[in-house]
Protein backbone atom coordinates (compact mmCIF):
# COMPACT_ATOMS: atom_id res chain seq x y z
CA UNK A 1 -7.04 -13.31 26.25
CA UNK A 2 -5.36 -10.43 26.85
CA UNK A 3 -3.62 -7.71 24.68
CA UNK A 4 0.01 -6.75 24.68
CA UNK A 5 2.70 -6.85 27.79
CA UNK A 6 1.77 -7.93 30.94
CA UNK A 7 -1.55 -9.83 29.94
CA UNK A 8 -2.54 -13.06 31.00
CA UNK A 9 -1.74 -14.09 27.33
CA UNK A 10 -0.42 -12.43 24.30
CA UNK A 11 -2.72 -12.07 21.92
CA UNK A 12 -2.34 -14.12 18.19
CA UNK A 13 -2.73 -12.24 15.34
CA UNK A 14 -2.92 -14.19 11.70
CA UNK A 15 -2.32 -11.86 8.98
CA UNK A 16 -3.68 -12.83 5.59
CA UNK A 17 -1.76 -10.58 2.48
CA UNK A 18 -0.78 -11.44 -1.01
CA UNK A 19 2.49 -8.87 -0.51
CA UNK A 20 5.21 -8.55 2.07
CA UNK A 21 7.67 -6.50 2.00
CA UNK A 22 11.16 -7.67 1.48
CA UNK A 23 9.53 -10.86 0.45
CA UNK A 24 7.31 -10.09 -2.29
CA UNK A 25 6.57 -6.80 -3.43
CA UNK A 26 3.79 -4.47 -5.39
CA UNK A 27 1.95 -2.23 -4.04
CA UNK A 28 1.51 -0.15 -0.41
CA UNK A 29 0.10 -3.47 0.98
CA UNK A 30 3.92 -4.91 1.84
CA UNK A 31 4.94 -2.35 3.65
CA UNK A 32 1.89 -1.93 5.84
CA UNK A 33 1.85 -5.80 6.42
CA UNK A 34 5.38 -5.77 7.91
CA UNK A 35 5.23 -2.72 9.44
CA UNK A 36 2.23 -3.74 11.63
CA UNK A 37 3.36 -7.15 12.29
CA UNK A 38 6.66 -6.32 13.58
CA UNK A 39 5.67 -3.73 15.74
CA UNK A 40 3.51 -6.30 17.29
CA UNK A 41 6.49 -8.97 17.43
CA UNK A 42 8.01 -5.63 19.59
CA UNK A 43 5.06 -5.39 21.68
CA UNK A 44 5.15 -8.97 22.71
CA UNK A 45 2.55 -10.19 20.38
CA UNK A 46 2.94 -13.41 18.46
CA UNK A 47 2.01 -12.28 14.78
CA UNK A 48 1.92 -14.80 12.58
CA UNK A 49 1.36 -13.58 8.25
CA UNK A 50 0.27 -16.58 5.89
CA UNK A 51 1.42 -15.31 2.53
CA UNK A 52 2.26 -17.32 -0.93
CA UNK A 53 5.26 -18.42 -1.53
CA UNK A 54 5.65 -17.06 -4.99
CA UNK A 55 7.82 -18.93 -7.65
CA UNK A 56 10.34 -16.24 -7.34
CA UNK A 57 10.54 -15.89 -4.09
CA UNK A 58 13.88 -17.76 -2.13
CA UNK A 59 14.05 -18.52 1.59
CA UNK A 60 16.38 -20.89 3.02
CA UNK A 61 15.46 -20.67 6.29
CA UNK A 62 12.35 -22.45 5.64
CA UNK A 63 11.27 -24.77 7.57
CA UNK A 64 12.32 -28.40 6.06
CA UNK A 65 8.86 -30.59 6.55
CA UNK A 66 5.79 -28.43 6.54
CA UNK A 67 3.72 -27.73 8.95
CA UNK A 68 0.58 -28.75 7.00
CA UNK A 69 -0.04 -29.95 4.07
CA UNK A 70 -3.68 -30.60 2.32
CA UNK A 71 -5.10 -30.28 -0.97
CA UNK A 72 -7.63 -27.39 -1.80
CA UNK A 73 -10.39 -28.46 -4.97
CA UNK A 74 -11.19 -24.89 -7.11
CA UNK A 75 -13.62 -24.89 -10.28
CA UNK A 76 -12.67 -22.87 -13.10
CA UNK A 77 -14.67 -21.02 -15.07
CA UNK A 78 -13.41 -21.77 -18.35
CA UNK A 79 -13.99 -25.15 -18.26
CA UNK A 80 -17.71 -26.37 -17.47
CA UNK A 81 -16.45 -25.21 -13.85
CA UNK A 82 -15.00 -28.64 -12.88
CA UNK A 83 -12.90 -28.34 -9.96
CA UNK A 84 -9.15 -29.25 -10.04
CA UNK A 85 -7.14 -30.60 -7.25
CA UNK A 86 -4.65 -28.27 -5.81
CA UNK A 87 -1.86 -29.64 -3.14
CA UNK A 88 -0.52 -27.68 -0.75
CA UNK A 89 2.13 -27.48 1.52
CA UNK A 90 2.74 -24.70 4.28
CA UNK A 91 6.23 -24.02 5.70
CA UNK A 92 7.35 -21.91 8.22
CA UNK A 93 9.69 -19.33 8.64
CA UNK A 94 10.90 -16.47 11.21
CA UNK A 95 11.57 -13.17 10.36
CA UNK A 96 12.31 -10.05 12.80
CA UNK A 97 10.48 -11.84 15.05
CA UNK A 98 7.10 -12.37 12.95
CA UNK A 99 6.09 -16.32 12.38
CA UNK A 100 5.74 -16.56 8.82
CA UNK A 101 3.42 -18.96 7.10
CA UNK A 102 4.41 -19.63 3.62
CA UNK A 103 1.73 -21.27 0.98
CA UNK A 104 2.95 -23.73 -1.19
CA UNK A 105 0.91 -24.78 -4.00
CA UNK A 106 1.52 -24.91 -8.22
CA UNK A 107 -0.30 -22.00 -9.03
CA UNK A 108 1.88 -19.82 -6.79
CA UNK A 109 5.61 -21.97 -7.70
CA UNK A 110 4.13 -20.76 -11.43
CA UNK A 111 3.85 -16.66 -10.66
CA UNK A 112 6.89 -14.57 -12.01
CA UNK A 113 5.52 -11.66 -10.20
CA UNK A 114 2.62 -11.16 -7.36
CA UNK A 115 -0.40 -9.26 -9.17
CA UNK A 116 0.63 -9.39 -13.00
CA UNK A 117 2.51 -11.30 -16.23
CA UNK A 118 5.92 -10.40 -16.51
CA UNK A 119 7.88 -9.64 -20.29
CA UNK A 120 9.03 -13.80 -19.64
CA UNK A 121 5.82 -14.82 -19.28
CA UNK A 122 4.65 -12.77 -22.49
CA UNK A 123 7.60 -14.44 -24.04
CA UNK A 124 6.90 -17.66 -23.09
CA UNK A 125 2.59 -17.55 -23.75
CA UNK A 126 1.99 -14.67 -26.46
CA UNK A 127 -1.70 -14.34 -24.58
CA UNK A 128 -0.24 -13.86 -21.12
CA UNK A 129 0.78 -9.71 -21.83
CA UNK A 130 3.11 -7.93 -19.68
CA UNK A 131 1.38 -6.08 -17.13
CA UNK A 132 -1.75 -8.05 -17.28
CA UNK A 133 -3.43 -9.78 -14.29
CA UNK A 134 -2.81 -13.29 -14.22
CA UNK A 135 -6.31 -15.14 -15.44
CA UNK A 136 -6.65 -17.17 -12.52
CA UNK A 137 -6.31 -14.12 -10.28
CA UNK A 138 -9.75 -15.01 -8.07
CA UNK A 139 -8.92 -18.83 -7.74
CA UNK A 140 -5.28 -17.98 -6.39
CA UNK A 141 -6.86 -15.12 -4.05
CA UNK A 142 -9.61 -18.21 -2.78
CA UNK A 143 -6.34 -20.57 -2.55
CA UNK A 144 -4.61 -18.06 0.15
CA UNK A 145 -8.07 -17.87 2.37
CA UNK A 146 -8.53 -21.50 2.19
CA UNK A 147 -5.43 -22.26 3.33
CA UNK A 148 -5.77 -20.14 6.33
CA UNK A 149 -8.75 -22.03 7.26
CA UNK A 150 -6.94 -25.61 6.10
CA UNK A 151 -3.77 -24.89 8.32
CA UNK A 152 -5.19 -23.69 11.51
CA UNK A 153 -7.54 -27.19 11.35
CA UNK A 154 -4.04 -28.43 10.96
CA UNK A 155 -2.31 -27.01 14.14
CA UNK A 156 -5.70 -27.73 15.65
CA UNK A 157 -6.02 -23.60 16.40
CA UNK A 158 -7.37 -20.59 15.49
CA UNK A 159 -6.28 -16.87 15.96
CA UNK A 160 -7.64 -14.37 18.38
CA UNK A 161 -7.44 -11.80 15.12
CA UNK A 162 -7.70 -12.73 11.68
CA UNK A 163 -6.23 -9.22 10.28
CA UNK A 164 -6.84 -9.51 6.27
CA UNK A 165 -5.45 -7.21 4.07
CA UNK A 166 -7.28 -5.79 0.98
CA UNK A 167 -9.89 -7.34 -1.47
CA UNK A 168 -7.56 -10.34 -1.90
CA UNK A 169 -8.44 -11.88 1.31
CA UNK A 170 -11.78 -10.28 2.27
CA UNK A 171 -13.78 -13.41 1.82
CA UNK A 172 -12.35 -14.97 4.45
CA UNK A 173 -14.32 -13.31 7.59
CA UNK A 174 -17.60 -15.31 6.08
CA UNK A 175 -15.77 -18.26 4.98
CA UNK A 176 -14.49 -18.81 7.99
CA UNK A 177 -18.01 -17.76 9.88
CA UNK A 178 -20.47 -19.73 7.60
CA UNK A 179 -17.95 -22.95 6.05
CA UNK A 180 -19.21 -25.69 8.85
CA UNK A 181 -15.94 -27.60 8.95
CA UNK A 182 -14.24 -24.04 10.17
CA UNK A 183 -17.05 -22.66 12.42
CA UNK A 184 -16.25 -24.46 15.45
CA UNK A 185 -12.66 -23.48 15.44
CA UNK A 186 -13.11 -20.00 14.37
CA UNK A 187 -15.96 -19.33 16.63
CA UNK A 188 -14.13 -17.14 18.99
CA UNK A 189 -11.40 -15.31 16.46
CA UNK A 190 -12.46 -11.79 15.55
CA UNK A 191 -11.95 -10.74 11.62
CA UNK A 192 -10.36 -6.88 10.22
CA UNK A 193 -10.82 -6.45 7.01
CA UNK A 194 -8.44 -3.42 5.65
CA UNK A 195 -9.54 -1.87 2.67
CA UNK A 196 -5.97 -0.26 1.23
CA UNK A 197 -7.76 1.06 -1.58
CA UNK A 198 -11.23 1.19 -2.64
CA UNK A 199 -10.69 2.94 -5.96
CA UNK A 200 -12.73 0.75 -9.60
CA UNK A 201 -10.06 -2.11 -10.33
CA UNK A 202 -9.14 -2.76 -6.64
CA UNK A 203 -12.49 -4.58 -5.02
CA UNK A 204 -11.48 -7.64 -6.37
CA UNK A 205 -15.39 -8.28 -7.13
CA UNK A 206 -16.06 -11.27 -8.62
CA UNK A 207 -19.02 -10.72 -11.74
CA UNK A 208 -20.38 -14.32 -11.68
CA UNK A 209 -22.68 -14.65 -8.24
CA UNK A 210 -23.23 -18.18 -8.88
CA UNK A 211 -19.10 -18.67 -9.54
CA UNK A 212 -18.23 -16.94 -6.74
CA UNK A 213 -20.26 -19.24 -4.50
CA UNK A 214 -18.60 -22.56 -6.18
CA UNK A 215 -15.19 -20.85 -5.71
CA UNK A 216 -15.60 -19.89 -2.32
CA UNK A 217 -18.23 -22.47 -0.91
CA UNK A 218 -20.35 -19.84 0.24
CA UNK A 219 -24.05 -20.49 -0.22
CA UNK A 220 -25.92 -17.98 -2.57
CA UNK A 221 -27.91 -16.57 0.83
CA UNK A 222 -24.14 -15.26 2.03
CA UNK A 223 -23.09 -14.72 -1.43
CA UNK A 224 -26.55 -12.17 -1.82
CA UNK A 225 -25.08 -10.13 1.08
CA UNK A 226 -21.89 -8.70 -0.74
CA UNK A 227 -24.18 -7.43 -4.11
CA UNK A 228 -22.84 -4.47 -5.41
CA UNK A 229 -25.27 -3.92 -8.32
CA UNK A 230 -24.60 -6.79 -10.25
CA UNK A 231 -20.91 -8.26 -8.79
CA UNK A 232 -19.83 -10.38 -5.46
CA UNK A 233 -17.68 -7.27 -3.69
CA UNK A 234 -15.79 -9.17 -1.24
CA UNK A 235 -15.57 -5.60 0.83
CA UNK A 236 -19.13 -5.06 0.95
CA UNK A 237 -19.69 -8.80 2.17
CA UNK A 238 -16.79 -8.87 4.55
CA UNK A 239 -19.11 -5.87 6.17
CA UNK A 240 -21.44 -8.19 7.51
CA UNK A 241 -18.31 -10.58 9.65
CA UNK A 242 -14.95 -8.42 10.53
CA UNK A 243 -14.35 -4.37 11.64
CA UNK A 244 -14.12 -2.57 8.43
CA UNK A 245 -10.72 -0.20 8.30
CA UNK A 246 -9.40 1.53 5.98
CA UNK A 247 -5.79 3.42 5.62
CA UNK A 248 -6.47 7.05 7.25
CA UNK A 249 -9.26 8.61 9.15
CA UNK A 250 -9.96 11.43 6.12
CA UNK A 251 -10.09 8.87 3.30
CA UNK A 252 -12.58 6.66 5.99
CA UNK A 253 -14.85 9.97 5.81
CA UNK A 254 -14.37 10.78 1.89
CA UNK A 255 -15.72 6.77 1.46
CA UNK A 256 -18.68 6.57 3.63
CA UNK A 257 -19.96 10.08 2.25
CA UNK A 258 -19.47 10.05 -1.20
CA UNK A 259 -22.39 10.87 -3.45
CA UNK A 260 -21.48 9.20 -6.65
CA UNK A 261 -19.48 5.90 -7.12
CA UNK A 262 -16.54 7.77 -8.62
CA UNK A 263 -14.42 6.83 -6.02
CA UNK A 264 -15.19 3.43 -4.51
CA UNK A 265 -17.29 2.31 -7.22
CA UNK A 266 -20.03 2.55 -5.16
CA UNK A 267 -18.84 0.85 -1.84
CA UNK A 268 -18.39 4.01 0.31
CA UNK A 269 -22.96 4.96 -0.69
CA UNK A 270 -23.66 0.67 -0.01
CA UNK A 271 -21.87 0.29 3.07
CA UNK A 272 -23.52 4.32 4.29
CA UNK A 273 -27.14 2.79 3.38
CA UNK A 274 -26.81 -0.95 5.15
CA UNK A 275 -24.96 1.16 8.65
CA UNK A 276 -21.84 -0.18 7.68
CA UNK A 277 -19.56 1.40 9.91
CA UNK A 278 -15.95 2.28 8.28
CA UNK A 279 -13.22 3.25 9.90
CA UNK A 280 -9.54 4.87 9.13
CA UNK A 281 -6.33 4.27 11.07
CA UNK A 282 -3.48 6.05 9.08
CA UNK A 283 -0.95 3.88 8.31
CA UNK A 284 2.81 4.36 9.83
CA UNK A 285 6.07 3.89 8.31
CA UNK A 286 9.39 2.38 9.43
CA UNK A 287 11.56 5.33 9.42
CA UNK A 288 14.71 3.40 9.32
CA UNK A 289 15.69 2.70 5.66
CA UNK A 290 15.42 6.15 5.33
CA UNK A 291 16.83 7.76 7.68
CA UNK A 292 19.96 10.08 6.15
CA UNK A 293 21.14 10.17 9.32
CA UNK A 294 21.67 7.14 8.60
CA UNK A 295 23.24 6.64 4.82
CA UNK A 296 25.02 3.31 5.24
CA UNK A 297 21.14 2.32 5.68
CA UNK A 298 19.13 4.47 3.75
CA UNK A 299 21.18 4.24 0.40
CA UNK A 300 22.09 7.72 -0.22
CA UNK A 301 25.66 8.63 -0.81
CA UNK A 302 25.64 11.30 1.98
CA UNK A 303 24.56 11.64 5.46
CA UNK A 304 22.85 14.71 6.68
CA UNK A 305 20.55 15.55 9.47
CA UNK A 306 16.96 17.87 8.60
CA UNK A 307 16.62 17.88 12.73
CA UNK A 308 19.07 19.74 13.61
CA UNK A 309 18.84 21.87 9.80
CA UNK A 310 22.74 19.99 8.86
CA UNK A 311 21.99 19.82 5.25
CA UNK A 312 25.62 19.53 3.64
CA UNK A 313 25.20 16.42 2.86
CA UNK A 314 21.98 16.98 0.99
CA UNK A 315 23.61 19.37 -1.13
CA UNK A 316 25.86 17.03 -1.89
CA UNK A 317 23.16 14.20 -2.87
CA UNK A 318 22.10 16.74 -5.32
CA UNK A 319 25.57 17.35 -6.94
CA UNK A 320 25.47 13.33 -7.44
CA UNK A 321 22.38 13.13 -8.34
CA UNK A 322 22.41 15.44 -11.44
CA UNK A 323 25.75 14.13 -12.23
CA UNK A 324 24.02 10.71 -12.10
CA UNK A 325 21.90 12.63 -14.81
CA UNK A 326 24.42 14.07 -16.90
CA UNK A 327 22.47 17.32 -16.84
CA UNK A 328 24.10 21.10 -15.80
CA UNK A 329 24.02 21.36 -12.08
CA UNK A 330 21.53 24.26 -10.93
CA UNK A 331 22.79 26.87 -8.71
CA UNK A 332 22.22 26.79 -4.84
CA UNK A 333 19.64 29.20 -4.82
CA UNK A 334 17.47 27.50 -6.99
CA UNK A 335 14.90 25.06 -5.79
CA UNK A 336 14.76 21.06 -6.99
CA UNK A 337 11.18 19.58 -7.34
CA UNK A 338 10.82 15.55 -7.41
CA UNK A 339 8.32 13.37 -8.31
CA UNK A 340 8.23 9.69 -7.94
CA UNK A 341 5.97 6.74 -7.91
CA UNK A 342 3.54 5.08 -10.40
CA UNK A 343 2.49 7.71 -14.03
CA UNK A 344 -1.63 6.91 -13.54
CA UNK A 345 -4.98 9.07 -13.23
CA UNK A 346 -4.85 8.48 -9.37
CA UNK A 347 -1.33 9.74 -8.97
CA UNK A 348 -2.46 13.15 -10.97
CA UNK A 349 -0.03 12.35 -13.59
CA UNK A 350 -2.61 14.25 -15.77
CA UNK A 351 -2.52 17.26 -13.50
CA UNK A 352 0.94 17.10 -12.70
CA UNK A 353 1.73 17.23 -16.63
CA UNK A 354 -0.34 20.66 -17.45
CA UNK A 355 1.57 22.00 -14.04
CA UNK A 356 4.88 21.58 -15.31
CA UNK A 357 4.28 22.62 -18.89
CA UNK A 358 3.41 25.95 -17.12
CA UNK A 359 6.37 25.79 -14.36
CA UNK A 360 9.03 24.87 -16.69
CA UNK A 361 8.73 28.25 -18.57
CA UNK A 362 9.11 29.66 -15.46
CA UNK A 363 12.24 30.86 -13.43
CA UNK A 364 15.04 29.35 -15.80
CA UNK A 365 16.73 27.93 -12.47
CA UNK A 366 14.43 25.39 -11.64
CA UNK A 367 14.65 21.60 -11.36
CA UNK A 368 12.09 19.16 -11.62
CA UNK A 369 12.75 15.47 -11.99
CA UNK A 370 10.02 12.20 -12.84
CA UNK A 371 10.94 8.84 -12.11
CA UNK A 372 8.47 6.22 -12.11
CA UNK A 373 6.42 3.77 -14.51
CA UNK A 374 2.43 3.31 -15.23
CA UNK A 375 0.14 3.57 -17.73
CA UNK A 376 2.12 4.14 -21.44
CA UNK A 377 0.16 7.07 -22.90
CA UNK A 378 1.11 9.24 -19.71
CA UNK A 379 4.79 8.24 -19.60
CA UNK A 380 4.91 9.20 -23.49
CA UNK A 381 3.25 12.52 -22.24
CA UNK A 382 5.77 12.97 -19.55
CA UNK A 383 8.82 11.45 -22.33
CA UNK A 384 7.78 14.31 -24.71
CA UNK A 385 7.80 17.17 -22.52
CA UNK A 386 11.20 16.53 -21.13
CA UNK A 387 12.30 16.26 -24.47
CA UNK A 388 10.38 19.29 -25.75
CA UNK A 389 13.04 22.11 -26.81
CA UNK A 390 10.75 24.30 -24.43
CA UNK A 391 12.03 22.59 -21.69
CA UNK A 392 15.76 23.48 -21.90
CA UNK A 393 17.28 20.50 -19.67
CA UNK A 394 14.96 21.66 -16.81
CA UNK A 395 12.99 18.30 -16.56
CA UNK A 396 14.62 14.65 -16.24
CA UNK A 397 12.00 12.06 -16.99
CA UNK A 398 13.56 8.37 -16.22
CA UNK A 399 10.83 5.96 -17.50
CA UNK A 400 11.95 2.93 -14.91
CA UNK A 401 10.87 1.35 -11.19
CA UNK A 402 14.58 2.02 -9.45
CA UNK A 403 14.69 2.23 -5.50
CA UNK A 404 18.44 3.17 -5.39
CA UNK A 405 17.76 5.97 -7.22
CA UNK A 406 14.99 7.07 -5.85
CA UNK A 407 16.71 7.62 -2.35
CA UNK A 408 18.46 9.62 -4.49
CA UNK A 409 16.65 11.51 -5.45
CA UNK A 410 13.94 12.44 -2.13
CA UNK A 411 17.41 13.25 -0.62
CA UNK A 412 18.72 15.77 -2.96
CA UNK A 413 15.00 16.98 -3.91
CA UNK A 414 13.73 20.28 -2.08
CA UNK A 415 10.23 19.87 -2.48
CA UNK A 416 8.71 16.53 -3.58
CA UNK A 417 4.99 17.08 -5.77
CA UNK A 418 2.39 14.96 -4.99
CA UNK A 419 -0.87 15.68 -7.06
CA UNK A 420 -2.66 12.65 -6.18
CA UNK A 421 -6.42 12.72 -7.78
CA UNK A 422 -7.58 10.16 -4.63
CA UNK A 423 -4.94 9.01 -1.83
CA UNK A 424 -5.96 6.95 0.83
CA UNK A 425 -3.08 7.53 2.94
CA UNK A 426 -0.45 8.44 1.04
CA UNK A 427 3.30 6.71 2.09
CA UNK A 428 5.77 9.16 0.25
CA UNK A 429 4.78 12.50 1.68
CA UNK A 430 6.39 10.17 4.64
CA UNK A 431 9.59 9.15 2.87
CA UNK A 432 10.24 12.90 1.81
CA UNK A 433 9.44 14.47 4.97
CA UNK A 434 12.62 12.05 6.81
CA UNK A 435 14.74 12.91 3.22
CA UNK A 436 14.36 16.68 4.48
CA UNK A 437 12.00 16.91 1.00
CA UNK A 438 9.44 18.74 1.73
CA UNK A 439 5.91 17.56 0.54
CA UNK A 440 3.57 19.96 -1.83
CA UNK A 441 0.09 17.53 -1.49
CA UNK A 442 -3.24 17.77 -2.96
CA UNK A 443 -4.97 17.92 -0.07
CA UNK A 444 -7.43 14.51 0.00
CA UNK A 445 -7.57 11.69 1.49
CA UNK A 446 -4.63 10.48 3.96
CA UNK A 447 -2.54 13.39 2.53
CA UNK A 448 -4.65 15.78 4.86
CA UNK A 449 -1.94 14.72 7.14
CA UNK A 450 0.48 17.07 5.38
CA UNK A 451 -0.32 20.59 7.36
CA UNK A 452 0.05 23.71 5.00
CA UNK A 453 2.80 25.89 6.26
CA UNK A 454 3.97 23.71 9.24
CA UNK A 455 4.83 20.32 8.03
CA UNK A 456 4.60 20.74 3.68
CA UNK A 457 2.42 22.91 1.40
CA UNK A 458 -1.04 21.64 0.58
CA UNK A 459 -3.70 22.87 -2.14
CA UNK A 460 -7.37 22.05 -2.59
CA UNK A 461 -8.98 21.88 -6.11
CA UNK A 462 -7.29 18.94 -8.18
CA UNK A 463 -6.50 21.31 -10.93
CA UNK A 464 -3.19 21.94 -13.10
CA UNK A 465 -3.38 25.98 -12.04
CA UNK A 466 -3.49 25.33 -8.01
CA UNK A 467 -0.83 22.85 -7.93
CA UNK A 468 1.26 25.38 -10.27
CA UNK A 469 0.11 27.94 -8.21
CA UNK A 470 1.61 26.07 -5.13
CA UNK A 471 4.45 25.65 -7.27
CA UNK A 472 5.15 29.58 -7.19
CA UNK A 473 4.37 30.23 -3.71
CA UNK A 474 7.21 27.22 -2.73
CA UNK A 475 9.87 29.14 -5.29
CA UNK A 476 9.58 32.55 -3.29
CA UNK A 477 9.38 31.23 -0.25
CA UNK A 478 12.75 28.76 -1.29
CA UNK A 479 14.27 32.33 -2.67
CA UNK A 480 13.07 34.63 -0.12
CA UNK A 481 12.29 33.11 3.81
CA UNK A 482 14.41 29.95 3.86
CA UNK A 483 14.19 30.44 7.58
CA UNK A 484 10.43 28.87 6.78
CA UNK A 485 11.28 25.94 5.17
CA UNK A 486 14.01 25.27 7.97
CA UNK A 487 11.23 25.10 10.38
CA UNK A 488 8.98 23.05 8.43
CA UNK A 489 12.32 20.38 7.38
CA UNK A 490 12.67 20.33 11.17
CA UNK A 491 8.94 19.88 12.20
CA UNK A 492 7.77 17.29 10.07
CA UNK A 493 11.22 15.23 10.65
CA UNK A 494 10.16 15.83 14.25
CA UNK A 495 6.51 14.16 14.54
CA UNK A 496 7.24 11.06 11.49
CA UNK A 497 9.47 9.76 14.80
CA UNK A 498 7.28 11.17 17.98
CA UNK A 499 3.48 9.97 16.13
CA UNK A 500 4.02 8.02 12.69
CA UNK A 501 6.10 5.19 13.40
CA UNK A 502 4.10 1.53 12.69
CA UNK A 503 5.23 1.26 16.89
CA UNK A 504 3.15 4.06 17.90
CA UNK A 505 0.06 3.41 15.45
CA UNK A 506 -0.34 0.22 16.92
CA UNK A 507 -0.18 0.69 20.69
CA UNK A 508 -2.20 4.42 19.77
CA UNK A 509 -4.92 2.54 17.38
CA UNK A 510 -4.39 -0.85 16.10
CA UNK A 511 -4.68 -2.11 19.82
CA UNK A 512 -7.87 -0.22 20.68
CA UNK A 513 -8.94 -1.84 17.18
CA UNK A 514 -8.39 -5.49 18.13
CA UNK A 515 -9.92 -5.02 21.68
CA UNK A 516 -13.41 -3.06 20.43
CA UNK A 517 -13.92 -5.84 17.01
CA UNK A 518 -13.23 -8.99 20.21
CA UNK A 519 -15.61 -7.02 22.62
CA UNK A 520 -18.58 -5.87 20.00
CA UNK A 521 -18.51 -9.52 18.99
CA UNK A 522 -16.99 -9.94 16.01
CA UNK A 523 -19.74 -12.13 14.39
CA UNK A 524 -22.34 -10.18 14.46
CA UNK A 525 -24.70 -9.98 11.12
CA UNK A 526 -25.39 -6.59 9.95
C-alpha cells in the first residue's frame, strides 16, 4: 500500500465521527473531520467519512439505493437488557471529493440535534429536557461503530486506516480486532483514535462494565482493559488497539503528565502508568471561510487585508457592529475586545467575568463584546454585569448562537479574549488571527501556539488578575505602539497560511502518523 501521490495505490482512510461541518454540527470535531478529510482528498487519497444521517439532515444528492442494508441488535439497560433490532441502511454521497457513507436508522432519524434534546423535544415529551443528552447515547454511539464493521463486510473490503474521532467511536478498534466476525477482514487495518477533549464528561464512558460488554459484544476480559476506576473508558481501551493522538502537542504533554484527575478524570495518569503513548498534532484550519480579503465568502460587510496592513474595511466593520448593537460608537483610539464561545468553566468564564468587572471600570472608551450561550448561571453573571450601571454601555452581551454576528465581531474587534482553563487545541485564536483580531490567551494546551508579542499576547496564571493585567498591557500598546500591533497582525496572518492550513497539517503530521501506525503493528496489545 502506498501513501499519498506517486504511490502504488492510494491509502484508503475511513473517518468515523458523530459530526461533520456543514451537515451535523455541535463542537469542534466537525471542523477537524471535514478539514482533514478534504485535505486528504486534495492530496490524492480516497477518504471516506462514516456519519449518522440524523433526522435534521437533508441531502438530495444521496444514492437512491443503499450501498449496504443490515440489522443491528442493541440492548436496553432499562428494560432488563433485552435486545431490540435496529434496521440500518447506508447511503452514499460525495462532497468536495470526500465519500460520505451516511448511516440511516430509526434512532438517528428521530434526532433533532447531534447530542442533546431540543426545545421541540421537550415540548413533545417533558422528560426530554432541552440541552440534556439523549437517553440512549451509548446505543447511538455503538450503532455507528457496528455500522462501520457491517458496511465493510457488505462492501467486502476494509480501509487501510480507521480514524476514530472522540469517545463516541473509540470502542471501534477493539471491536474490529476482537469480534470474530470482523477480525479477518480488518487484519491489515491500522487504527488511530483522536481525543478531541479529555475533560470530564467527554469520554463517553459506560458505568456498568457488564452493560459495556453486552452493548459492544466485547468479552469481559477485553472490557477490563478499559476500566478507569469503575467505568469502562473507551479511550483507555483504545490504547491497547490503536494509536492515540490528541489535538495539540502541548495538550498531549499536559494529559500524560497530570498528577491529579482534574484535567482528564484520571485518563492521563492511567495511560502513563500503563506505558501507552499519547501523541499530539495541532489542528489545522480551512482559512477560506474566514479570509477578510474575500468578504463575499467570509460573510462580513466590508473586506480588508491584514497581510499588508490595509484595515480600512475593518474600521467599517467596527462601525457596522456598533450600529447593530445600538450603542455609541467608540472613538478610533479606543480598542474593542471580544469573546465568542461557550459560557462554561472550561472556557474560563468565571475568570473573564471577574476580569471584566475590573476592566469596564478602566479607560472609559474601551468596549467589550461577549457573544455566546452556556451554563445558565454564567449567562446570568455576564448579563448582570452588562446591565449594571458601572458598565455604562461599555460591555455588550449577546446570549445567543449567531454565526453571522460572530464573523462580524471577529472582523470588528482589535483583541480577542480566550481565557480557557484548559484548551485541547483552540480554533478561535486561528479565526481571530485571520480576521486581524489579536488573540489574548491563557497560555495552556493548544493555546501555546500563540506566541506572546509575536502572534498575539498570553499570560501564565489562570486568574482574573493576570487576564486584567494583560488587557491593560494591550490597551497601552494600542495607544502608544500601534506599529507593534501591525507587525503582530501581519505575522499571525502569514503563519496561518504557511503552517496551519489542513493541507500543511496533513502533509507534515498526519501522513507520518498513519505511516507509523501501520508500521508498528497496529493490533499490538499493550
